[in-house]
Amino acid sequence: MISFRIFSTDFRISFSFFMFTALVFMTNNYHSIVMFFMACAVHEAGHLVIMCVLRAEIKSVFISGLGIRIVQSRENLVSNYRNLAILSGGASVNLLIFLSGIFNRNFADMNLMLCIFNLLPFRNLDGGSIILCIGELLNAEYISEIVLKIFAVIMTALSFLLIYIFGFSAFPIAAVILYYCFSEIIL
């Protein structure tokens, strides 16, 4: 793990990020790779812009092969309503890019896929965090936990079905989904 500090924010980059990047480059589709990383950067910028507008302090940024996690400072935690705005900021920017029609069609489609993927209800993605935040707002944390577990079980079955139907070509996306499913079920 690589760790460093910029101003008052701690940054950590996991080995899995470099492993994921190496695997992506093995596809030899460099144009798509660049678009994917640009869409991810735009997504995270959406979160950061909302955080800046709401004056939420960033304590740390953790970058791994399966995403970026931005942690707020405990001294300046925002309310659940403001947290919902921050959580939806990334997917909103991706959706706006898709709907705007001013970008390359492939880049727009990449943003739509990233928006949909990040809204999946897994705790480590924006969608799962949004469900947990809504659960806190409604005083129904237990129900939101059950929703996440049920979705993970359903997605596990669908991932194995994808591999069975499409063979090895479906393995990369199924492997990513299975990672999220198992991490959700185990928690």
N, C-alpha and C. Protein backbone atom coordinates (compact mmCIF):
# COMPACT_ATOMS: atom_id res chain seq x y z
N MET A 1 0.85 -1.17 0.00
CA MET A 1 0.00 0.00 0.00
C MET A 1 0.90 1.24 0.00
N ILE A 2 0.53 2.19 -0.80
CA ILE A 2 1.24 3.47 -0.86
C ILE A 2 0.42 4.48 -0.07
N SER A 3 1.05 5.17 0.86
CA SER A 3 0.37 6.17 1.67
C SER A 3 1.12 7.49 1.60
N PHE A 4 0.38 8.57 1.49
CA PHE A 4 0.98 9.90 1.53
C PHE A 4 -0.07 10.90 1.97
N ARG A 5 0.36 12.10 2.25
CA ARG A 5 -0.55 13.13 2.76
C ARG A 5 -0.40 14.39 1.92
N ILE A 6 -1.53 14.98 1.53
CA ILE A 6 -1.55 16.27 0.84
C ILE A 6 -2.40 17.19 1.70
N PHE A 7 -1.78 18.25 2.20
CA PHE A 7 -2.41 19.15 3.15
C PHE A 7 -2.89 18.33 4.35
N SER A 8 -4.17 18.33 4.65
CA SER A 8 -4.66 17.58 5.81
C SER A 8 -5.38 16.30 5.40
N THR A 9 -5.22 15.88 4.15
CA THR A 9 -5.91 14.70 3.65
C THR A 9 -4.93 13.56 3.44
N ASP A 10 -5.25 12.40 4.01
CA ASP A 10 -4.45 11.19 3.84
C ASP A 10 -4.90 10.46 2.58
N PHE A 11 -3.94 10.02 1.79
CA PHE A 11 -4.22 9.24 0.58
C PHE A 11 -3.58 7.87 0.73
N ARG A 12 -4.33 6.83 0.37
CA ARG A 12 -3.80 5.47 0.36
C ARG A 12 -4.17 4.82 -0.97
N ILE A 13 -3.21 4.21 -1.59
CA ILE A 13 -3.44 3.51 -2.85
C ILE A 13 -3.09 2.05 -2.64
N SER A 14 -4.07 1.19 -2.81
CA SER A 14 -3.91 -0.24 -2.60
C SER A 14 -3.23 -0.88 -3.81
N PHE A 15 -2.55 -1.98 -3.55
CA PHE A 15 -1.94 -2.76 -4.63
C PHE A 15 -3.00 -3.20 -5.63
N SER A 16 -4.23 -3.45 -5.16
CA SER A 16 -5.29 -3.92 -6.06
C SER A 16 -5.59 -2.91 -7.18
N PHE A 17 -5.35 -1.61 -6.92
CA PHE A 17 -5.57 -0.62 -7.97
C PHE A 17 -4.60 -0.86 -9.13
N PHE A 18 -3.35 -1.10 -8.82
CA PHE A 18 -2.35 -1.35 -9.86
C PHE A 18 -2.62 -2.69 -10.55
N MET A 19 -3.07 -3.68 -9.80
CA MET A 19 -3.41 -4.98 -10.38
C MET A 19 -4.59 -4.82 -11.35
N PHE A 20 -5.63 -4.09 -10.91
CA PHE A 20 -6.80 -3.86 -11.76
C PHE A 20 -6.38 -3.12 -13.03
N THR A 21 -5.57 -2.09 -12.88
CA THR A 21 -5.11 -1.31 -14.02
C THR A 21 -4.33 -2.19 -15.00
N ALA A 22 -3.47 -3.06 -14.48
CA ALA A 22 -2.71 -3.97 -15.35
C ALA A 22 -3.64 -4.92 -16.09
N LEU A 23 -4.64 -5.43 -15.40
CA LEU A 23 -5.61 -6.33 -16.05
C LEU A 23 -6.39 -5.61 -17.13
N VAL A 24 -6.77 -4.37 -16.86
CA VAL A 24 -7.51 -3.58 -17.85
C VAL A 24 -6.65 -3.34 -19.08
N PHE A 25 -5.37 -3.04 -18.89
CA PHE A 25 -4.50 -2.78 -20.02
C PHE A 25 -4.24 -4.04 -20.85
N MET A 26 -4.49 -5.20 -20.28
CA MET A 26 -4.32 -6.44 -21.04
C MET A 26 -5.36 -6.57 -22.15
N THR A 27 -6.42 -5.79 -22.08
CA THR A 27 -7.44 -5.84 -23.13
C THR A 27 -6.96 -5.20 -24.42
N ASN A 28 -5.90 -4.40 -24.35
CA ASN A 28 -5.34 -3.69 -25.51
C ASN A 28 -6.33 -2.74 -26.17
N ASN A 29 -7.34 -2.33 -25.46
CA ASN A 29 -8.31 -1.37 -25.98
C ASN A 29 -8.06 -0.04 -25.26
N TYR A 30 -6.97 0.61 -25.61
CA TYR A 30 -6.50 1.77 -24.86
C TYR A 30 -7.48 2.95 -24.90
N HIS A 31 -8.19 3.10 -25.99
CA HIS A 31 -9.16 4.19 -26.10
C HIS A 31 -10.25 4.02 -25.04
N SER A 32 -10.77 2.81 -24.91
CA SER A 32 -11.80 2.54 -23.91
C SER A 32 -11.26 2.68 -22.49
N ILE A 33 -10.02 2.29 -22.30
CA ILE A 33 -9.40 2.39 -20.97
C ILE A 33 -9.31 3.85 -20.55
N VAL A 34 -8.86 4.70 -21.45
CA VAL A 34 -8.75 6.12 -21.13
C VAL A 34 -10.14 6.70 -20.84
N MET A 35 -11.13 6.33 -21.65
CA MET A 35 -12.50 6.82 -21.40
C MET A 35 -13.02 6.34 -20.05
N PHE A 36 -12.73 5.09 -19.70
CA PHE A 36 -13.18 4.54 -18.42
C PHE A 36 -12.59 5.33 -17.26
N PHE A 37 -11.28 5.57 -17.30
CA PHE A 37 -10.64 6.31 -16.21
C PHE A 37 -11.11 7.77 -16.17
N MET A 38 -11.40 8.35 -17.34
CA MET A 38 -11.94 9.71 -17.37
C MET A 38 -13.35 9.74 -16.76
N ALA A 39 -14.17 8.75 -17.07
CA ALA A 39 -15.52 8.68 -16.50
C ALA A 39 -15.44 8.50 -14.99
N CYS A 40 -14.49 7.69 -14.52
CA CYS A 40 -14.31 7.52 -13.06
C CYS A 40 -13.88 8.83 -12.42
N ALA A 41 -12.98 9.55 -13.07
CA ALA A 41 -12.51 10.84 -12.53
C ALA A 41 -13.67 11.84 -12.46
N VAL A 42 -14.51 11.87 -13.50
CA VAL A 42 -15.67 12.76 -13.52
C VAL A 42 -16.63 12.38 -12.39
N HIS A 43 -16.82 11.08 -12.19
CA HIS A 43 -17.71 10.59 -11.14
C HIS A 43 -17.23 11.07 -9.76
N GLU A 44 -15.95 10.86 -9.49
CA GLU A 44 -15.40 11.27 -8.19
C GLU A 44 -15.40 12.80 -8.05
N ALA A 45 -15.19 13.49 -9.15
CA ALA A 45 -15.25 14.96 -9.10
C ALA A 45 -16.66 15.42 -8.72
N GLY A 46 -17.69 14.69 -9.16
CA GLY A 46 -19.07 15.01 -8.78
C GLY A 46 -19.24 14.95 -7.27
N HIS A 47 -18.69 13.90 -6.65
CA HIS A 47 -18.74 13.80 -5.19
C HIS A 47 -18.00 14.97 -4.54
N LEU A 48 -16.80 15.25 -5.05
CA LEU A 48 -15.96 16.28 -4.45
C LEU A 48 -16.58 17.67 -4.56
N VAL A 49 -17.22 17.96 -5.69
CA VAL A 49 -17.86 19.27 -5.87
C VAL A 49 -18.97 19.45 -4.84
N ILE A 50 -19.80 18.43 -4.68
CA ILE A 50 -20.88 18.51 -3.69
C ILE A 50 -20.30 18.64 -2.29
N MET A 51 -19.22 17.92 -2.00
CA MET A 51 -18.59 18.03 -0.68
C MET A 51 -18.08 19.45 -0.44
N CYS A 52 -17.50 20.05 -1.46
CA CYS A 52 -17.01 21.43 -1.32
C CYS A 52 -18.15 22.41 -1.13
N VAL A 53 -19.22 22.24 -1.89
CA VAL A 53 -20.38 23.12 -1.75
C VAL A 53 -20.97 23.02 -0.35
N LEU A 54 -21.02 21.81 0.20
CA LEU A 54 -21.59 21.59 1.52
C LEU A 54 -20.56 21.77 2.65
N ARG A 55 -19.36 22.15 2.26
CA ARG A 55 -18.27 22.38 3.21
C ARG A 55 -17.97 21.16 4.09
N ALA A 56 -17.98 19.99 3.48
CA ALA A 56 -17.61 18.77 4.19
C ALA A 56 -16.10 18.58 4.03
N GLU A 57 -15.40 18.40 5.13
CA GLU A 57 -13.95 18.21 5.08
C GLU A 57 -13.62 16.77 4.73
N ILE A 58 -12.58 16.60 3.92
CA ILE A 58 -12.14 15.28 3.51
C ILE A 58 -11.01 14.85 4.44
N LYS A 59 -11.21 13.70 5.09
CA LYS A 59 -10.19 13.17 5.99
C LYS A 59 -9.20 12.31 5.21
N SER A 60 -9.74 11.39 4.37
CA SER A 60 -8.85 10.50 3.64
C SER A 60 -9.49 10.05 2.34
N VAL A 61 -8.62 9.62 1.43
CA VAL A 61 -9.05 9.07 0.14
C VAL A 61 -8.34 7.73 -0.01
N PHE A 62 -9.12 6.67 -0.23
CA PHE A 62 -8.58 5.33 -0.40
C PHE A 62 -8.89 4.87 -1.81
N ILE A 63 -7.85 4.53 -2.57
CA ILE A 63 -8.01 4.10 -3.97
C ILE A 63 -7.64 2.63 -4.05
N SER A 64 -8.60 1.82 -4.54
CA SER A 64 -8.33 0.38 -4.72
C SER A 64 -8.76 -0.02 -6.12
N GLY A 65 -8.59 -1.27 -6.43
CA GLY A 65 -8.97 -1.77 -7.75
C GLY A 65 -10.45 -1.74 -8.00
N LEU A 66 -11.24 -1.64 -6.95
CA LEU A 66 -12.68 -1.67 -7.12
C LEU A 66 -13.36 -0.37 -6.74
N GLY A 67 -12.58 0.71 -6.70
CA GLY A 67 -13.21 2.00 -6.46
C GLY A 67 -12.39 2.93 -5.60
N ILE A 68 -12.99 4.08 -5.37
CA ILE A 68 -12.37 5.13 -4.56
C ILE A 68 -13.32 5.42 -3.41
N ARG A 69 -12.77 5.49 -2.23
CA ARG A 69 -13.58 5.80 -1.04
C ARG A 69 -13.08 7.10 -0.45
N ILE A 70 -13.98 8.08 -0.36
CA ILE A 70 -13.65 9.38 0.23
C ILE A 70 -14.30 9.42 1.61
N VAL A 71 -13.49 9.61 2.64
CA VAL A 71 -13.98 9.60 4.01
C VAL A 71 -14.00 11.03 4.54
N GLN A 72 -15.12 11.41 5.14
CA GLN A 72 -15.26 12.75 5.71
C GLN A 72 -14.57 12.82 7.06
N SER A 73 -14.15 14.00 7.40
CA SER A 73 -13.55 14.25 8.71
C SER A 73 -14.63 14.13 9.78
N ARG A 74 -14.32 13.48 10.89
CA ARG A 74 -15.28 13.30 11.99
C ARG A 74 -15.65 14.63 12.64
N GLU A 75 -14.75 15.60 12.60
CA GLU A 75 -15.02 16.89 13.22
C GLU A 75 -16.07 17.69 12.45
N ASN A 76 -16.26 17.34 11.18
CA ASN A 76 -17.15 18.13 10.33
C ASN A 76 -18.12 17.22 9.57
N LEU A 77 -18.72 16.26 10.28
CA LEU A 77 -19.67 15.36 9.62
C LEU A 77 -20.91 16.13 9.18
N VAL A 78 -21.43 15.76 8.02
CA VAL A 78 -22.63 16.42 7.52
C VAL A 78 -23.84 15.58 7.89
N SER A 79 -25.02 16.19 7.83
CA SER A 79 -26.26 15.48 8.14
C SER A 79 -26.52 14.40 7.09
N ASN A 80 -27.46 13.51 7.40
CA ASN A 80 -27.81 12.44 6.46
C ASN A 80 -28.35 12.99 5.15
N TYR A 81 -29.08 14.10 5.21
CA TYR A 81 -29.61 14.69 3.98
C TYR A 81 -28.47 15.21 3.10
N ARG A 82 -27.52 15.86 3.72
CA ARG A 82 -26.36 16.35 2.96
C ARG A 82 -25.52 15.18 2.47
N ASN A 83 -25.44 14.13 3.28
CA ASN A 83 -24.69 12.95 2.87
C ASN A 83 -25.34 12.29 1.65
N LEU A 84 -26.68 12.28 1.60
CA LEU A 84 -27.38 11.76 0.41
C LEU A 84 -27.01 12.56 -0.84
N ALA A 85 -26.90 13.87 -0.69
CA ALA A 85 -26.50 14.72 -1.82
C ALA A 85 -25.09 14.37 -2.28
N ILE A 86 -24.19 14.19 -1.32
CA ILE A 86 -22.80 13.84 -1.66
C ILE A 86 -22.75 12.48 -2.35
N LEU A 87 -23.46 11.51 -1.79
CA LEU A 87 -23.45 10.15 -2.37
C LEU A 87 -24.03 10.13 -3.78
N SER A 88 -25.02 10.94 -4.06
CA SER A 88 -25.64 10.94 -5.38
C SER A 88 -24.91 11.84 -6.38
N GLY A 89 -23.95 12.62 -5.90
CA GLY A 89 -23.24 13.56 -6.78
C GLY A 89 -22.50 12.90 -7.92
N GLY A 90 -21.82 11.78 -7.66
CA GLY A 90 -21.05 11.11 -8.70
C GLY A 90 -21.92 10.55 -9.81
N ALA A 91 -22.93 9.78 -9.42
CA ALA A 91 -23.83 9.19 -10.42
C ALA A 91 -24.60 10.27 -11.17
N SER A 92 -24.93 11.36 -10.49
CA SER A 92 -25.65 12.46 -11.15
C SER A 92 -24.82 13.08 -12.27
N VAL A 93 -23.54 13.28 -12.00
CA VAL A 93 -22.66 13.85 -13.03
C VAL A 93 -22.54 12.88 -14.20
N ASN A 94 -22.37 11.57 -13.91
CA ASN A 94 -22.30 10.59 -14.99
C ASN A 94 -23.58 10.60 -15.83
N LEU A 95 -24.73 10.69 -15.17
CA LEU A 95 -26.00 10.72 -15.90
C LEU A 95 -26.14 11.99 -16.73
N LEU A 96 -25.73 13.12 -16.17
CA LEU A 96 -25.79 14.38 -16.92
C LEU A 96 -24.91 14.34 -18.17
N ILE A 97 -23.74 13.74 -18.06
CA ILE A 97 -22.87 13.62 -19.23
C ILE A 97 -23.55 12.75 -20.29
N PHE A 98 -24.16 11.66 -19.87
CA PHE A 98 -24.86 10.79 -20.81
C PHE A 98 -26.01 11.53 -21.50
N LEU A 99 -26.80 12.26 -20.72
CA LEU A 99 -27.98 12.93 -21.26
C LEU A 99 -27.64 14.18 -22.07
N SER A 100 -26.48 14.78 -21.82
CA SER A 100 -26.15 16.04 -22.49
C SER A 100 -25.99 15.89 -24.00
N GLY A 101 -25.48 14.77 -24.44
CA GLY A 101 -25.30 14.55 -25.87
C GLY A 101 -24.17 15.33 -26.49
N ILE A 102 -23.37 16.03 -25.71
CA ILE A 102 -22.29 16.84 -26.29
C ILE A 102 -20.96 16.10 -26.32
N PHE A 103 -20.94 14.91 -25.75
CA PHE A 103 -19.69 14.14 -25.71
C PHE A 103 -19.74 13.00 -26.70
N ASN A 104 -18.59 12.43 -26.96
CA ASN A 104 -18.45 11.26 -27.80
C ASN A 104 -19.44 10.19 -27.31
N ARG A 105 -20.11 9.51 -28.23
CA ARG A 105 -21.13 8.52 -27.87
C ARG A 105 -20.57 7.43 -26.95
N ASN A 106 -19.36 6.95 -27.23
CA ASN A 106 -18.76 5.92 -26.39
C ASN A 106 -18.50 6.43 -24.97
N PHE A 107 -18.04 7.69 -24.87
CA PHE A 107 -17.79 8.27 -23.56
C PHE A 107 -19.10 8.46 -22.80
N ALA A 108 -20.14 8.88 -23.51
CA ALA A 108 -21.46 9.04 -22.89
C ALA A 108 -21.97 7.69 -22.39
N ASP A 109 -21.85 6.66 -23.22
CA ASP A 109 -22.29 5.32 -22.81
C ASP A 109 -21.49 4.80 -21.62
N MET A 110 -20.20 5.07 -21.60
CA MET A 110 -19.34 4.67 -20.48
C MET A 110 -19.83 5.34 -19.19
N ASN A 111 -20.22 6.60 -19.28
CA ASN A 111 -20.73 7.31 -18.11
C ASN A 111 -22.05 6.72 -17.64
N LEU A 112 -22.91 6.33 -18.56
CA LEU A 112 -24.17 5.70 -18.18
C LEU A 112 -23.91 4.37 -17.47
N MET A 113 -23.01 3.56 -18.00
CA MET A 113 -22.69 2.28 -17.37
C MET A 113 -22.11 2.49 -15.97
N LEU A 114 -21.24 3.49 -15.82
CA LEU A 114 -20.65 3.78 -14.53
C LEU A 114 -21.71 4.27 -13.54
N CYS A 115 -22.63 5.07 -14.03
CA CYS A 115 -23.75 5.56 -13.20
C CYS A 115 -24.57 4.39 -12.69
N ILE A 116 -24.98 3.51 -13.58
CA ILE A 116 -25.80 2.36 -13.20
C ILE A 116 -25.04 1.45 -12.25
N PHE A 117 -23.78 1.16 -12.56
CA PHE A 117 -22.98 0.28 -11.71
C PHE A 117 -22.85 0.86 -10.30
N ASN A 118 -22.55 2.15 -10.19
CA ASN A 118 -22.36 2.75 -8.88
C ASN A 118 -23.64 2.85 -8.08
N LEU A 119 -24.78 2.77 -8.73
CA LEU A 119 -26.05 2.80 -8.00
C LEU A 119 -26.54 1.42 -7.59
N LEU A 120 -25.76 0.37 -7.92
CA LEU A 120 -26.13 -0.96 -7.44
C LEU A 120 -26.10 -0.96 -5.92
N PRO A 121 -27.04 -1.64 -5.29
CA PRO A 121 -27.12 -1.60 -3.82
C PRO A 121 -26.11 -2.51 -3.13
N PHE A 122 -24.84 -2.17 -3.26
CA PHE A 122 -23.78 -2.81 -2.50
C PHE A 122 -23.19 -1.76 -1.58
N ARG A 123 -22.93 -2.13 -0.36
CA ARG A 123 -22.44 -1.21 0.67
C ARG A 123 -21.19 -0.44 0.22
N ASN A 124 -20.33 -1.05 -0.58
CA ASN A 124 -19.11 -0.38 -1.02
C ASN A 124 -19.31 0.51 -2.23
N LEU A 125 -20.53 0.57 -2.74
CA LEU A 125 -20.86 1.45 -3.86
C LEU A 125 -21.83 2.52 -3.38
N ASP A 126 -22.03 3.53 -4.19
CA ASP A 126 -22.91 4.63 -3.82
C ASP A 126 -24.33 4.16 -3.54
N GLY A 127 -24.84 3.22 -4.34
CA GLY A 127 -26.20 2.74 -4.17
C GLY A 127 -26.44 2.13 -2.80
N GLY A 128 -25.52 1.29 -2.36
CA GLY A 128 -25.64 0.68 -1.04
C GLY A 128 -25.53 1.71 0.07
N SER A 129 -24.62 2.66 -0.09
CA SER A 129 -24.47 3.71 0.91
C SER A 129 -25.72 4.58 0.98
N ILE A 130 -26.35 4.81 -0.17
CA ILE A 130 -27.60 5.58 -0.20
C ILE A 130 -28.69 4.82 0.55
N ILE A 131 -28.80 3.52 0.32
CA ILE A 131 -29.81 2.72 1.03
C ILE A 131 -29.56 2.74 2.53
N LEU A 132 -28.29 2.62 2.94
CA LEU A 132 -27.97 2.66 4.37
C LEU A 132 -28.30 4.03 4.97
N CYS A 133 -28.03 5.09 4.22
CA CYS A 133 -28.31 6.45 4.69
C CYS A 133 -29.83 6.66 4.83
N ILE A 134 -30.59 6.18 3.86
CA ILE A 134 -32.05 6.28 3.94
C ILE A 134 -32.56 5.45 5.12
N GLY A 135 -31.95 4.29 5.36
CA GLY A 135 -32.32 3.48 6.51
C GLY A 135 -32.11 4.22 7.82
N GLU A 136 -31.00 4.97 7.91
CA GLU A 136 -30.76 5.78 9.11
C GLU A 136 -31.80 6.88 9.25
N LEU A 137 -32.12 7.53 8.13
CA LEU A 137 -33.12 8.61 8.17
C LEU A 137 -34.48 8.11 8.63
N LEU A 138 -34.84 6.89 8.22
CA LEU A 138 -36.15 6.33 8.53
C LEU A 138 -36.14 5.48 9.80
N ASN A 139 -34.99 5.45 10.47
CA ASN A 139 -34.83 4.60 11.65
C ASN A 139 -35.10 3.14 11.32
N ALA A 140 -34.64 2.71 10.15
CA ALA A 140 -34.87 1.34 9.68
C ALA A 140 -33.55 0.73 9.20
N GLU A 141 -32.50 0.87 10.00
CA GLU A 141 -31.19 0.36 9.60
C GLU A 141 -31.22 -1.14 9.35
N TYR A 142 -31.97 -1.87 10.19
CA TYR A 142 -32.05 -3.32 10.06
C TYR A 142 -32.64 -3.72 8.71
N ILE A 143 -33.68 -3.02 8.29
CA ILE A 143 -34.33 -3.32 7.01
C ILE A 143 -33.39 -3.03 5.86
N SER A 144 -32.65 -1.92 5.92
CA SER A 144 -31.71 -1.61 4.83
C SER A 144 -30.60 -2.66 4.76
N GLU A 145 -30.17 -3.19 5.90
CA GLU A 145 -29.16 -4.27 5.91
C GLU A 145 -29.72 -5.52 5.23
N ILE A 146 -30.97 -5.85 5.51
CA ILE A 146 -31.60 -7.02 4.90
C ILE A 146 -31.71 -6.84 3.39
N VAL A 147 -32.10 -5.65 2.96
CA VAL A 147 -32.21 -5.36 1.52
C VAL A 147 -30.88 -5.59 0.83
N LEU A 148 -29.79 -5.11 1.43
CA LEU A 148 -28.46 -5.29 0.83
C LEU A 148 -28.08 -6.77 0.74
N LYS A 149 -28.37 -7.52 1.78
CA LYS A 149 -28.04 -8.96 1.80
C LYS A 149 -28.85 -9.73 0.76
N ILE A 150 -30.14 -9.44 0.67
CA ILE A 150 -31.00 -10.14 -0.31
C ILE A 150 -30.52 -9.84 -1.72
N PHE A 151 -30.22 -8.56 -2.00
CA PHE A 151 -29.74 -8.21 -3.33
C PHE A 151 -28.43 -8.95 -3.64
N ALA A 152 -27.54 -9.06 -2.66
CA ALA A 152 -26.26 -9.74 -2.87
C ALA A 152 -26.47 -11.22 -3.20
N VAL A 153 -27.40 -11.85 -2.55
CA VAL A 153 -27.68 -13.26 -2.83
C VAL A 153 -28.24 -13.42 -4.25
N ILE A 154 -29.16 -12.54 -4.63
CA ILE A 154 -29.74 -12.59 -5.98
C ILE A 154 -28.66 -12.35 -7.03
N MET A 155 -27.80 -11.35 -6.80
CA MET A 155 -26.74 -11.05 -7.77
C MET A 155 -25.70 -12.16 -7.85
N THR A 156 -25.46 -12.87 -6.75
CA THR A 156 -24.55 -14.02 -6.77
C THR A 156 -25.09 -15.08 -7.71
N ALA A 157 -26.36 -15.40 -7.58
CA ALA A 157 -26.98 -16.40 -8.45
C ALA A 157 -26.95 -15.94 -9.91
N LEU A 158 -27.25 -14.66 -10.15
CA LEU A 158 -27.22 -14.15 -11.53
C LEU A 158 -25.81 -14.16 -12.12
N SER A 159 -24.81 -13.91 -11.30
CA SER A 159 -23.42 -13.93 -11.78
C SER A 159 -23.02 -15.33 -12.24
N PHE A 160 -23.37 -16.33 -11.44
CA PHE A 160 -23.07 -17.70 -11.84
C PHE A 160 -23.85 -18.10 -13.08
N LEU A 161 -25.09 -17.60 -13.20
CA LEU A 161 -25.88 -17.85 -14.39
C LEU A 161 -25.23 -17.21 -15.62
N LEU A 162 -24.72 -15.98 -15.47
CA LEU A 162 -24.01 -15.30 -16.56
C LEU A 162 -22.82 -16.13 -17.03
N ILE A 163 -22.03 -16.62 -16.09
CA ILE A 163 -20.86 -17.43 -16.45
C ILE A 163 -21.30 -18.71 -17.14
N TYR A 164 -22.36 -19.33 -16.66
CA TYR A 164 -22.86 -20.56 -17.26
C TYR A 164 -23.33 -20.33 -18.70
N ILE A 165 -24.07 -19.23 -18.91
CA ILE A 165 -24.65 -18.96 -20.23
C ILE A 165 -23.59 -18.46 -21.22
N PHE A 166 -22.76 -17.47 -20.79
CA PHE A 166 -21.84 -16.82 -21.71
C PHE A 166 -20.41 -17.33 -21.62
N GLY A 167 -20.13 -18.19 -20.69
CA GLY A 167 -18.79 -18.76 -20.56
C GLY A 167 -17.77 -17.74 -20.08
N PHE A 168 -16.55 -17.94 -20.50
CA PHE A 168 -15.43 -17.13 -20.01
C PHE A 168 -15.57 -15.65 -20.33
N SER A 169 -16.27 -15.31 -21.41
CA SER A 169 -16.39 -13.89 -21.78
C SER A 169 -17.14 -13.09 -20.71
N ALA A 170 -17.98 -13.74 -19.94
CA ALA A 170 -18.72 -13.04 -18.87
C ALA A 170 -17.97 -13.04 -17.55
N PHE A 171 -16.83 -13.73 -17.50
CA PHE A 171 -16.12 -13.87 -16.23
C PHE A 171 -15.65 -12.55 -15.62
N PRO A 172 -15.08 -11.60 -16.39
CA PRO A 172 -14.59 -10.37 -15.73
C PRO A 172 -15.69 -9.60 -15.00
N ILE A 173 -16.83 -9.38 -15.64
CA ILE A 173 -17.90 -8.63 -14.97
C ILE A 173 -18.51 -9.46 -13.85
N ALA A 174 -18.64 -10.76 -14.07
CA ALA A 174 -19.18 -11.63 -13.02
C ALA A 174 -18.25 -11.66 -11.81
N ALA A 175 -16.95 -11.66 -12.05
CA ALA A 175 -15.99 -11.68 -10.95
C ALA A 175 -16.09 -10.41 -10.10
N VAL A 176 -16.25 -9.27 -10.75
CA VAL A 176 -16.39 -8.00 -10.02
C VAL A 176 -17.67 -8.02 -9.19
N ILE A 177 -18.77 -8.46 -9.80
CA ILE A 177 -20.04 -8.51 -9.09
C ILE A 177 -19.96 -9.51 -7.94
N LEU A 178 -19.32 -10.66 -8.17
CA LEU A 178 -19.19 -11.65 -7.11
C LEU A 178 -18.36 -11.12 -5.95
N TYR A 179 -17.34 -10.33 -6.26
CA TYR A 179 -16.55 -9.73 -5.18
C TYR A 179 -17.45 -8.87 -4.29
N TYR A 180 -18.25 -8.02 -4.90
CA TYR A 180 -19.16 -7.17 -4.13
C TYR A 180 -20.19 -8.01 -3.38
N CYS A 181 -20.71 -9.05 -4.02
CA CYS A 181 -21.69 -9.91 -3.37
C CYS A 181 -21.11 -10.59 -2.13
N PHE A 182 -19.94 -11.17 -2.28
CA PHE A 182 -19.34 -11.89 -1.14
C PHE A 182 -18.96 -10.93 -0.03
N SER A 183 -18.46 -9.75 -0.40
CA SER A 183 -18.11 -8.80 0.66
C SER A 183 -19.38 -8.31 1.38
N GLU A 184 -20.51 -8.28 0.69
CA GLU A 184 -21.76 -7.87 1.30
C GLU A 184 -22.32 -8.98 2.20
N ILE A 185 -22.25 -10.20 1.72
CA ILE A 185 -22.80 -11.34 2.48
C ILE A 185 -21.97 -11.59 3.73
N ILE A 186 -20.67 -11.46 3.63
CA ILE A 186 -19.79 -11.73 4.75
C ILE A 186 -19.94 -10.68 5.86
N LEU A 187 -20.20 -9.43 5.50
CA LEU A 187 -20.31 -8.38 6.51
C LEU A 187 -21.46 -8.56 7.44
